[in-house]
Amino acid sequence: MPQIVDAHCHASPVWFEPVEPLVLQMDLNGVSHAVLTQALGQYDNGYQEECLRRYPGRFASVVGVDPVDPQAPRKLAEAAVAGARGVRLRPDVWMAGDDPLALWRAAADHGLVISCAGPTAALLDDAFAALLRAFPQMVFALEHLGGWTRPDCARGEEVREGIFALADHPNVVLKVPALGQLSPRDMRGALPASGCVLDQAPGAILRDVLARFGGDRMMWGSDYPPVSSREGYANALNWTRALFDGCPAGEVAAVFGGTAGRLFGLG
């Protein structure tokens, strides 16, 4: 059976949850590896480094660095030496000084994946397209389906086509959100004893994205632990995977493990 990799989750002893509950959820659901993603605005990556040591080979770390810190490129290089495989940056990060792309350049020099967090409007801006062209060998993994699941995204046809058009950039990968981020829950009335309780229709966009990007440029992430306040970890995996029923098995295997494993050196 192909390995399952959770490409977007969080662990912290002071915010969200420590790593142990995540490991439990992974074990219960057959998830072999995961990518620990630093919370936005946090730049102390010591706990994620500790998780790499405690669970060797099981996790990859996507760190955070403060883009207004003049020493950010050096600190990012140090994080890469300490084992980081990616860095979480907003799409409009420019450093002060003579080289506004210094932080992006440091990420490229160390082969880091960019976990790109930001609104769809910023990802569809010409300035971001220029950034993608400036670093054609660096992978930009756009979180939450290119911002499609963010509350500030106007989910219209123009925005949808704009996200699809990002496939024209070979270095763009989309993080696939769980169904609970695409389909809001309605808790009125009794829940059935089993089966998917969410409207699956909003998840149809994932099949369209698969047709445009291909499985080798998509990777599922649970968004644990916030997912626990939505549909829960097991449902986030199983209900989202069910949206791809009938799609080529190799493509689905890439979405739920192969792509993240390849990009982050897991498995």
Foldseek 3Di string as FASTA:
>chain_A
DFAFEAEEEAADVVPAHHCVVVVVLCVVQRHQAYEHEDDPPDAPCVSVLVVCVVDPQRYAYAGEFDLADPCRLVVVLVVVVSGHQAYEDELPQFYDDDGRCSNVVSCLVSQHAYAYDDALVSCLDPSSVVVCVVRLPHAYEYEPLSNCLPPPDDPDPVSLVSSLVVLVRVRYAYEHEFVQSQFPADPPDDDDPDDDRTDCVSLLSVVVSCVRNFLLRAAYHHHPPVNCVTPDRNNSPPVSLVSCPPPDPVSSSSHRPVNSCVSRVHD
